[in-house]
């Protein structure tokens, strides 16, 4: 294994297939939208980077051109204000027709019946166009309440200069050769011994609501935190204890900076950009910033594996609100934006991963550092539908604070793994009403 030397343009994305633990709605959908139903005005609220907003605007222009009499009013807001605004508007009865939502938040809106059931409005073939993971992420109680627009998953960005300073010149070049947990610990020890003073081996991107990325370690141990009913907790298990112990070792062994906690006000990537760590767990969305900002030679490799590979299913769905007065137009717009050409263009410009199975091929490229695409593609391929379905639980917004509190105690050394998973079990049960 050696640092991969790619040309500077190529591709990105992927997914694996196992039994989906939720009822997949939508079989036999019939397109109900009429030409008259595609006329009118929709309001669409989102946040986004410049590249993401450019992608949305391009899709809107194309949709309006293809559907005479339709207008989409885009309202771009800062991410920090996005859901405070949406919640207030839903409460007041004047929400946007369409908005963008992270998968880990989707379930809460669907569970409160605040989203439009798209099932009767979608074209018959729509479900089969998406990967099983993506489709599982927009299901609730047997119905489809959104369309998966894109995803992202965490691989590892590596500072080649710091690795070389520690005498490490080889990294995994395929998902099958991804470091095992034991091998990752060995890499951590070698980096600790060879890095400059004040530099740590790595940082993990579990800050804030990113605590859901700790679940990747649970999945790598072939564990689960919810049963297929999205209610019954399963985290008090050997896999749960193993995942807590492994994550806590990042701190006890000095593999991460002391401030790499879930409660930290600083994101993990900041320590990588400042060269305070040699590698960082990160999504592909960081690639454009890394290309323009990093003052060192860098590349990417795969997240580690244990019993199996595992990762986070990041990204966002597009949903329509149940209160929309234009359900046919909203469904038509969501379908259009998730058609192949608009999704390809959006993901290419924003360095994000498509959710359509027909885009998972060598023709897919990123505008920036596209040669790293196969790494994130393969990493996405180990995400499993049953993992995604748990994160789409309607109770996820209540589960996240439980994860934050208990994992912080474990990472600080205040609580052992057995106590942590026992507390997580009872806390998750309270959150779901199990």
Protein backbone atom coordinates (compact mmCIF):
# COMPACT_ATOMS: atom_id res chain seq x y z
CA UNK A 1 0.00 0.00 0.00
CA UNK A 2 1.26 3.47 -0.87
CA UNK A 3 -0.16 6.92 -1.31
CA UNK A 4 -2.42 6.75 -4.35
CA UNK A 5 -1.16 8.83 -7.24
CA UNK A 6 -4.21 9.79 -9.29
CA UNK A 7 -4.41 12.06 -12.36
CA UNK A 8 -6.40 15.19 -11.39
CA UNK A 9 -9.85 14.32 -12.68
CA UNK A 10 -12.14 11.30 -12.38
CA UNK A 11 -15.22 10.39 -10.21
CA UNK A 12 -17.19 9.62 -6.88
CA UNK A 13 -19.96 7.57 -4.99
CA UNK A 14 -21.40 4.09 -4.26
CA UNK A 15 -23.61 1.92 -2.09
CA UNK A 16 -24.13 -1.67 -0.93
CA UNK A 17 -27.33 -3.66 -0.78
CA UNK A 18 -28.82 -5.67 2.09
CA UNK A 19 -32.33 -6.25 3.33
CA UNK A 20 -34.08 -2.94 4.03
CA UNK A 21 -35.60 -2.95 7.52
CA UNK A 22 -38.41 -0.49 6.78
CA UNK A 23 -41.48 -0.83 4.63
CA UNK A 24 -40.55 0.74 1.32
CA UNK A 25 -43.55 2.70 0.17
CA UNK A 26 -44.16 3.65 -3.39
CA UNK A 27 -44.45 0.40 -5.30
CA UNK A 28 -46.94 1.02 -8.08
CA UNK A 29 -46.93 4.80 -7.72
CA UNK A 30 -48.94 6.55 -10.40
CA UNK A 31 -48.00 10.03 -11.55
CA UNK A 32 -51.04 12.17 -10.65
CA UNK A 33 -49.66 15.53 -11.74
CA UNK A 34 -51.62 17.22 -14.53
CA UNK A 35 -50.38 20.11 -16.71
CA UNK A 36 -52.59 22.41 -14.65
CA UNK A 37 -51.05 20.98 -11.47
CA UNK A 38 -47.62 22.05 -12.68
CA UNK A 39 -48.58 25.71 -12.84
CA UNK A 40 -48.32 28.20 -10.01
CA UNK A 41 -45.73 29.45 -7.54
CA UNK A 42 -43.73 27.45 -5.01
CA UNK A 43 -41.58 28.78 -2.20
CA UNK A 44 -38.37 26.82 -1.58
CA UNK A 45 -36.25 27.44 1.52
CA UNK A 46 -32.72 26.12 1.84
CA UNK A 47 -29.25 26.90 3.08
CA UNK A 48 -26.17 26.15 1.02
CA UNK A 49 -22.66 26.90 -0.09
CA UNK A 50 -22.22 29.08 -3.14
CA UNK A 51 -21.83 25.95 -5.27
CA UNK A 52 -24.97 24.35 -3.80
CA UNK A 53 -27.08 27.46 -4.32
CA UNK A 54 -25.80 27.75 -7.88
CA UNK A 55 -26.91 24.17 -8.47
CA UNK A 56 -30.37 24.83 -7.08
CA UNK A 57 -30.76 28.00 -9.15
CA UNK A 58 -29.76 26.17 -12.30
CA UNK A 59 -32.32 23.43 -11.62
CA UNK A 60 -35.03 26.01 -10.91
CA UNK A 61 -34.34 27.80 -14.19
CA UNK A 62 -34.57 24.52 -16.09
CA UNK A 63 -37.78 23.49 -14.31
CA UNK A 64 -39.49 26.80 -15.01
CA UNK A 65 -38.48 26.56 -18.67
CA UNK A 66 -39.91 23.04 -18.92
CA UNK A 67 -43.13 23.91 -17.06
CA UNK A 68 -44.71 27.06 -18.47
CA UNK A 69 -46.62 28.94 -15.83
CA UNK A 70 -44.52 27.68 -12.92
CA UNK A 71 -42.38 29.85 -10.64
CA UNK A 72 -40.04 28.71 -7.87
CA UNK A 73 -39.10 31.38 -5.33
CA UNK A 74 -35.80 30.43 -3.69
CA UNK A 75 -35.18 31.64 -0.15
CA UNK A 76 -31.57 31.03 0.92
CA UNK A 77 -30.92 31.38 4.67
CA UNK A 78 -27.91 30.69 6.90
CA UNK A 79 -27.87 27.11 8.20
CA UNK A 80 -27.88 28.39 11.79
CA UNK A 81 -31.29 30.00 11.20
CA UNK A 82 -32.77 27.38 8.91
CA UNK A 83 -34.74 25.16 11.24
CA UNK A 84 -35.62 27.80 13.80
CA UNK A 85 -37.31 29.59 10.92
CA UNK A 86 -38.93 26.44 9.51
CA UNK A 87 -40.29 25.38 12.91
CA UNK A 88 -41.71 28.84 13.57
CA UNK A 89 -43.33 28.95 10.13
CA UNK A 90 -44.84 25.49 10.55
CA UNK A 91 -46.22 26.52 13.92
CA UNK A 92 -47.66 29.73 12.46
CA UNK A 93 -49.21 27.93 9.49
CA UNK A 94 -47.16 29.69 6.80
CA UNK A 95 -44.26 27.34 5.97
CA UNK A 96 -42.53 27.21 2.59
CA UNK A 97 -43.91 24.73 0.09
CA UNK A 98 -40.57 22.92 -0.17
CA UNK A 99 -37.47 22.82 2.00
CA UNK A 100 -34.20 20.99 2.44
CA UNK A 101 -33.68 18.78 5.51
CA UNK A 102 -30.86 16.56 6.85
CA UNK A 103 -31.75 12.87 7.00
CA UNK A 104 -31.25 12.79 10.77
CA UNK A 105 -33.89 15.53 11.14
CA UNK A 106 -36.29 14.24 8.49
CA UNK A 107 -37.94 11.70 10.79
CA UNK A 108 -39.03 14.31 13.31
CA UNK A 109 -40.95 16.31 10.70
CA UNK A 110 -42.45 13.19 9.12
CA UNK A 111 -43.42 11.80 12.53
CA UNK A 112 -45.28 15.02 13.37
CA UNK A 113 -47.20 14.76 10.07
CA UNK A 114 -45.77 18.08 8.90
CA UNK A 115 -44.65 16.73 5.51
CA UNK A 116 -46.61 15.93 2.38
CA UNK A 117 -47.07 12.22 1.66
CA UNK A 118 -45.60 12.07 -1.82
CA UNK A 119 -46.65 8.48 -2.51
CA UNK A 120 -49.77 9.18 -4.59
CA UNK A 121 -47.96 11.89 -6.56
CA UNK A 122 -44.72 10.19 -7.62
CA UNK A 123 -44.15 8.50 -10.93
CA UNK A 124 -44.19 4.70 -10.90
CA UNK A 125 -40.48 4.19 -11.47
CA UNK A 126 -39.23 6.79 -8.98
CA UNK A 127 -38.34 4.40 -6.12
CA UNK A 128 -36.14 2.15 -8.24
CA UNK A 129 -34.04 5.10 -9.39
CA UNK A 130 -32.55 5.56 -5.91
CA UNK A 131 -30.19 3.38 -3.94
CA UNK A 132 -31.81 1.28 -1.16
CA UNK A 133 -29.99 3.36 1.45
CA UNK A 134 -31.30 6.63 0.07
CA UNK A 135 -34.86 5.37 -0.26
CA UNK A 136 -34.81 4.03 3.31
CA UNK A 137 -33.83 7.50 4.53
CA UNK A 138 -37.09 9.13 3.36
CA UNK A 139 -39.58 6.56 4.65
CA UNK A 140 -41.79 6.98 7.71
CA UNK A 141 -44.61 4.68 8.83
CA UNK A 142 -44.70 3.03 5.41
CA UNK A 143 -44.99 6.23 3.39
CA UNK A 144 -42.61 8.41 1.40
CA UNK A 145 -42.29 11.96 2.74
CA UNK A 146 -39.40 13.29 0.68
CA UNK A 147 -36.94 12.53 -2.07
CA UNK A 148 -33.26 11.94 -1.32
CA UNK A 149 -31.34 14.69 -3.09
CA UNK A 150 -27.73 13.87 -2.23
CA UNK A 151 -25.61 12.23 0.40
CA UNK A 152 -22.11 12.39 1.82
CA UNK A 153 -20.10 10.07 4.01
CA UNK A 154 -16.95 10.39 6.08
CA UNK A 155 -13.66 9.09 4.77
CA UNK A 156 -10.29 10.29 6.12
CA UNK A 157 -8.32 13.28 4.82
CA UNK A 158 -4.58 12.82 5.29
CA UNK A 159 -1.77 15.36 5.54
CA UNK A 160 0.89 13.58 3.51
CA UNK A 161 3.66 15.84 4.84
CA UNK A 162 2.94 14.92 8.46
CA UNK A 163 2.60 11.24 7.60
CA UNK A 164 5.97 11.36 5.85
CA UNK A 165 7.51 13.13 8.86
CA UNK A 166 6.39 10.17 10.96
CA UNK A 167 7.84 7.72 8.45
CA UNK A 168 4.48 6.51 7.16
CA UNK A 169 4.31 6.30 3.38
CA UNK A 170 1.61 3.65 2.90
CA UNK A 171 -2.14 4.02 3.27
CA UNK A 172 -5.01 1.76 2.16
CA UNK A 173 -5.73 1.95 -1.55
CA UNK A 174 -8.98 -0.04 -1.55
CA UNK A 175 -11.97 -0.38 0.73
CA UNK A 176 -11.04 -4.03 1.29
CA UNK A 177 -7.67 -2.89 2.66
CA UNK A 178 -9.12 -0.22 4.96
CA UNK A 179 -7.36 -0.17 8.31
CA UNK A 180 -8.84 -2.43 10.93
CA UNK A 181 -9.35 -0.87 14.33
CA UNK A 182 -6.18 -2.55 15.52
CA UNK A 183 -4.22 -1.24 12.54
CA UNK A 184 -5.59 2.25 13.10
CA UNK A 185 -4.33 2.15 16.69
CA UNK A 186 -0.90 1.11 15.40
CA UNK A 187 -0.93 4.05 13.00
CA UNK A 188 -1.89 6.29 15.91
CA UNK A 189 1.07 5.06 17.95
CA UNK A 190 3.48 5.59 15.04
CA UNK A 191 2.17 9.10 14.49
CA UNK A 192 2.43 9.95 18.19
CA UNK A 193 6.07 8.85 18.14
CA UNK A 194 6.98 10.70 14.94
CA UNK A 195 4.91 13.88 14.83
CA UNK A 196 6.15 17.29 16.00
CA UNK A 197 5.28 18.29 19.55
CA UNK A 198 1.73 19.56 19.90
CA UNK A 199 0.49 17.58 16.91
CA UNK A 200 -2.00 14.74 17.35
CA UNK A 201 -2.61 11.74 15.08
CA UNK A 202 -6.20 12.57 14.19
CA UNK A 203 -9.50 14.33 14.88
CA UNK A 204 -13.00 12.84 14.60
CA UNK A 205 -15.90 14.88 13.19
CA UNK A 206 -18.52 14.20 15.89
CA UNK A 207 -19.03 17.79 17.09
CA UNK A 208 -22.57 18.97 17.84
CA UNK A 209 -25.26 17.07 15.96
CA UNK A 210 -22.38 15.33 14.20
CA UNK A 211 -22.49 13.00 17.21
CA UNK A 212 -24.46 10.75 14.86
CA UNK A 213 -21.12 10.04 13.15
CA UNK A 214 -20.05 8.09 16.26
CA UNK A 215 -22.69 5.61 15.18
CA UNK A 216 -20.38 4.65 12.31
CA UNK A 217 -18.17 2.93 14.89
CA UNK A 218 -21.21 1.13 16.30
CA UNK A 219 -22.13 -0.06 12.81
CA UNK A 220 -18.54 -1.15 12.17
CA UNK A 221 -18.97 -3.46 15.16
CA UNK A 222 -22.16 -4.73 13.49
CA UNK A 223 -24.24 -3.13 16.21
CA UNK A 224 -27.46 -1.13 16.21
CA UNK A 225 -29.02 1.49 18.45
CA UNK A 226 -32.63 0.88 17.34
CA UNK A 227 -34.55 -2.17 16.23
CA UNK A 228 -36.34 -2.19 12.87
CA UNK A 229 -39.40 -0.59 14.49
CA UNK A 230 -37.28 2.58 14.97
CA UNK A 231 -38.41 2.56 18.61
CA UNK A 232 -36.88 -0.31 20.59
CA UNK A 233 -33.30 0.43 21.75
CA UNK A 234 -30.61 -2.18 21.05
CA UNK A 235 -27.46 -0.32 22.03
CA UNK A 236 -26.81 -2.16 25.33
CA UNK A 237 -24.81 -4.89 23.62
CA UNK A 238 -21.29 -6.19 23.14
CA UNK A 239 -21.07 -4.12 19.95
CA UNK A 240 -22.21 -1.00 21.80
CA UNK A 241 -19.65 -1.45 24.56
CA UNK A 242 -16.90 -2.14 22.02
CA UNK A 243 -17.72 1.02 20.04
CA UNK A 244 -17.72 3.16 23.20
CA UNK A 245 -14.41 1.68 24.38
CA UNK A 246 -12.77 2.23 21.01
CA UNK A 247 -13.90 5.86 20.77
CA UNK A 248 -12.86 6.53 24.38
CA UNK A 249 -9.39 5.16 23.58
CA UNK A 250 -8.90 8.09 21.19
CA UNK A 251 -8.68 10.26 24.30
CA UNK A 252 -7.04 7.88 26.78
CA UNK A 253 -4.30 7.01 24.27
CA UNK A 254 -3.75 10.59 23.16
CA UNK A 255 -4.74 9.98 19.54
CA UNK A 256 -6.91 13.12 19.40
CA UNK A 257 -6.47 16.62 20.84
CA UNK A 258 -8.09 17.11 24.22
CA UNK A 259 -10.62 19.50 22.67
CA UNK A 260 -11.82 16.99 20.05
CA UNK A 261 -14.96 16.42 22.11
CA UNK A 262 -18.56 16.29 20.98
CA UNK A 263 -19.20 19.51 22.93
CA UNK A 264 -16.29 21.36 21.31
CA UNK A 265 -17.06 24.70 19.67
CA UNK A 266 -14.40 23.92 17.04
CA UNK A 267 -15.01 21.50 14.20
CA UNK A 268 -12.54 18.67 13.68
CA UNK A 269 -11.54 19.92 10.23
CA UNK A 270 -10.16 23.15 11.71
CA UNK A 271 -7.40 21.24 13.49
CA UNK A 272 -6.50 19.49 10.24
CA UNK A 273 -6.33 22.71 8.25
CA UNK A 274 -4.08 24.20 10.96
CA UNK A 275 -1.89 21.06 10.86
CA UNK A 276 -2.59 20.29 14.52
CA UNK A 277 -3.58 16.76 13.46
CA UNK A 278 -2.30 14.50 10.71
CA UNK A 279 -5.67 13.23 9.57
CA UNK A 280 -9.37 13.96 10.03
CA UNK A 281 -12.65 12.17 9.41
CA UNK A 282 -14.43 14.29 6.81
CA UNK A 283 -17.05 14.31 4.11
CA UNK A 284 -16.31 15.03 0.47
CA UNK A 285 -17.89 18.46 0.86
CA UNK A 286 -14.60 19.62 2.44
CA UNK A 287 -12.66 18.92 -0.75
CA UNK A 288 -13.07 22.37 -2.37
CA UNK A 289 -11.97 24.17 0.82
CA UNK A 290 -9.05 21.80 1.24
CA UNK A 291 -7.93 22.39 -2.34
CA UNK A 292 -7.94 26.17 -1.97
CA UNK A 293 -6.90 26.46 1.70
CA UNK A 294 -4.57 23.63 2.69
CA UNK A 295 -0.92 24.66 2.54
CA UNK A 296 0.32 21.07 2.49
CA UNK A 297 0.19 17.99 0.31
CA UNK A 298 -2.92 15.96 1.11
CA UNK A 299 -5.01 13.01 -0.01
CA UNK A 300 -7.79 10.79 1.29
CA UNK A 301 -8.27 7.20 2.40
CA UNK A 302 -11.01 5.02 3.84
CA UNK A 303 -12.58 5.00 7.29
CA UNK A 304 -11.58 1.96 9.35
CA UNK A 305 -13.46 -1.33 9.63
CA UNK A 306 -14.04 -3.79 12.44
CA UNK A 307 -16.52 -6.65 12.07
CA UNK A 308 -17.57 -4.88 8.88
CA UNK A 309 -17.24 -1.55 7.20
CA UNK A 310 -19.63 1.18 8.22
CA UNK A 311 -20.19 4.87 7.78
CA UNK A 312 -22.54 7.78 8.17
CA UNK A 313 -25.26 8.58 5.66
CA UNK A 314 -25.01 12.33 5.56
CA UNK A 315 -26.57 14.78 3.16
CA UNK A 316 -30.10 16.03 2.73
CA UNK A 317 -33.54 15.24 1.40
CA UNK A 318 -35.98 17.62 -0.26
CA UNK A 319 -39.47 17.62 1.23
CA UNK A 320 -42.80 19.37 0.70
CA UNK A 321 -44.84 20.59 3.64
CA UNK A 322 -48.25 19.08 4.34
CA UNK A 323 -49.70 22.61 4.28
CA UNK A 324 -48.65 23.35 0.70
CA UNK A 325 -51.47 24.53 -1.53
CA UNK A 326 -49.59 23.22 -4.57
CA UNK A 327 -49.00 19.48 -3.89
CA UNK A 328 -48.82 18.47 -7.56
CA UNK A 329 -46.39 21.25 -8.42
CA UNK A 330 -44.29 20.47 -5.34
CA UNK A 331 -44.04 16.78 -6.25
CA UNK A 332 -43.21 17.62 -9.87
CA UNK A 333 -40.44 19.99 -8.75
CA UNK A 334 -38.94 17.43 -6.33
CA UNK A 335 -38.93 14.82 -9.07
CA UNK A 336 -37.32 17.21 -11.53
CA UNK A 337 -34.53 18.25 -9.14
CA UNK A 338 -33.74 14.57 -8.45
CA UNK A 339 -33.71 13.63 -12.13
CA UNK A 340 -30.34 12.46 -13.42
CA UNK A 341 -29.04 15.62 -15.11
CA UNK A 342 -29.88 18.13 -12.34
CA UNK A 343 -28.58 15.79 -9.64
CA UNK A 344 -25.37 15.08 -11.55
CA UNK A 345 -24.71 18.79 -12.09
CA UNK A 346 -25.48 19.67 -8.47
CA UNK A 347 -23.25 16.96 -7.00
CA UNK A 348 -20.41 17.63 -9.42
CA UNK A 349 -20.31 21.32 -8.53
CA UNK A 350 -20.80 20.89 -4.78
CA UNK A 351 -18.56 17.81 -4.24
CA UNK A 352 -21.45 15.76 -2.91
CA UNK A 353 -22.62 12.23 -3.61
CA UNK A 354 -25.70 11.46 -5.70
CA UNK A 355 -28.44 9.20 -4.38
CA UNK A 356 -29.49 7.82 -7.77
CA UNK A 357 -28.22 4.36 -8.63
CA UNK A 358 -27.90 5.28 -12.31
CA UNK A 359 -25.30 7.94 -11.48
CA UNK A 360 -22.96 5.49 -9.76
CA UNK A 361 -20.60 5.00 -12.67
CA UNK A 362 -17.29 6.17 -14.07
CA UNK A 363 -18.91 9.12 -15.84
CA UNK A 364 -19.55 10.93 -12.56
CA UNK A 365 -16.99 13.64 -11.76
CA UNK A 366 -16.37 16.43 -9.30
CA UNK A 367 -15.23 19.84 -10.43
CA UNK A 368 -12.51 19.82 -7.73
CA UNK A 369 -10.07 16.95 -6.99
CA UNK A 370 -12.26 14.54 -8.83
CA UNK A 371 -9.58 11.86 -8.61
CA UNK A 372 -10.53 11.35 -4.97
CA UNK A 373 -14.06 10.34 -5.97
CA UNK A 374 -13.54 6.56 -5.90
CA UNK A 375 -12.48 6.73 -2.25
CA UNK A 376 -15.71 8.37 -1.14
CA UNK A 377 -17.66 6.17 -3.55
CA UNK A 378 -16.33 3.00 -1.97
CA UNK A 379 -16.84 4.39 1.52
CA UNK A 380 -20.48 5.15 0.71
CA UNK A 381 -20.78 1.58 -0.53
CA UNK A 382 -20.40 0.09 2.96
CA UNK A 383 -23.31 2.09 4.38
CA UNK A 384 -26.22 -0.30 4.89
CA UNK A 385 -29.94 0.46 4.64
CA UNK A 386 -30.70 -0.76 8.16
CA UNK A 387 -28.15 1.73 9.50
CA UNK A 388 -29.75 4.58 7.57
CA UNK A 389 -33.28 3.63 8.67
CA UNK A 390 -32.33 3.96 12.34
CA UNK A 391 -31.05 7.51 11.86
CA UNK A 392 -34.33 8.38 10.07
CA UNK A 393 -36.29 7.54 13.24
CA UNK A 394 -38.93 10.14 14.15
CA UNK A 395 -37.28 10.23 17.60
CA UNK A 396 -33.80 11.07 16.32
CA UNK A 397 -33.91 14.69 17.46
CA UNK A 398 -34.58 13.45 21.02
CA UNK A 399 -31.94 10.69 20.77
CA UNK A 400 -29.14 13.07 19.76
CA UNK A 401 -28.96 14.84 23.18
CA UNK A 402 -28.77 11.44 24.88
CA UNK A 403 -25.82 10.45 22.68
CA UNK A 404 -24.08 13.77 23.35
CA UNK A 405 -24.42 13.56 27.14
CA UNK A 406 -23.43 9.93 27.61
CA UNK A 407 -20.58 9.82 25.09
CA UNK A 408 -19.05 13.00 26.49
CA UNK A 409 -18.95 11.32 29.91
CA UNK A 410 -17.29 8.25 28.42
CA UNK A 411 -14.73 10.27 26.46
CA UNK A 412 -13.84 12.31 29.54
CA UNK A 413 -13.12 9.11 31.45
CA UNK A 414 -15.95 9.77 33.90
CA UNK A 415 -17.94 6.70 32.89
CA UNK A 416 -17.02 3.21 31.71
CA UNK A 417 -18.40 1.62 28.56
CA UNK A 418 -20.84 -0.69 30.35
CA UNK A 419 -22.41 2.19 32.26
CA UNK A 420 -22.47 4.33 29.13
CA UNK A 421 -24.40 1.85 26.99
CA UNK A 422 -26.77 1.08 29.86
CA UNK A 423 -27.52 4.79 30.18
CA UNK A 424 -27.83 5.10 26.41
CA UNK A 425 -30.31 2.21 26.40
CA UNK A 426 -32.55 3.81 28.99
CA UNK A 427 -32.16 7.30 27.51
CA UNK A 428 -33.05 6.14 24.01
CA UNK A 429 -36.05 4.23 25.39
CA UNK A 430 -37.27 7.43 27.03
CA UNK A 431 -36.72 9.36 23.80
CA UNK A 432 -38.68 6.88 21.66
CA UNK A 433 -41.32 6.02 24.26
CA UNK A 434 -40.34 2.36 24.12
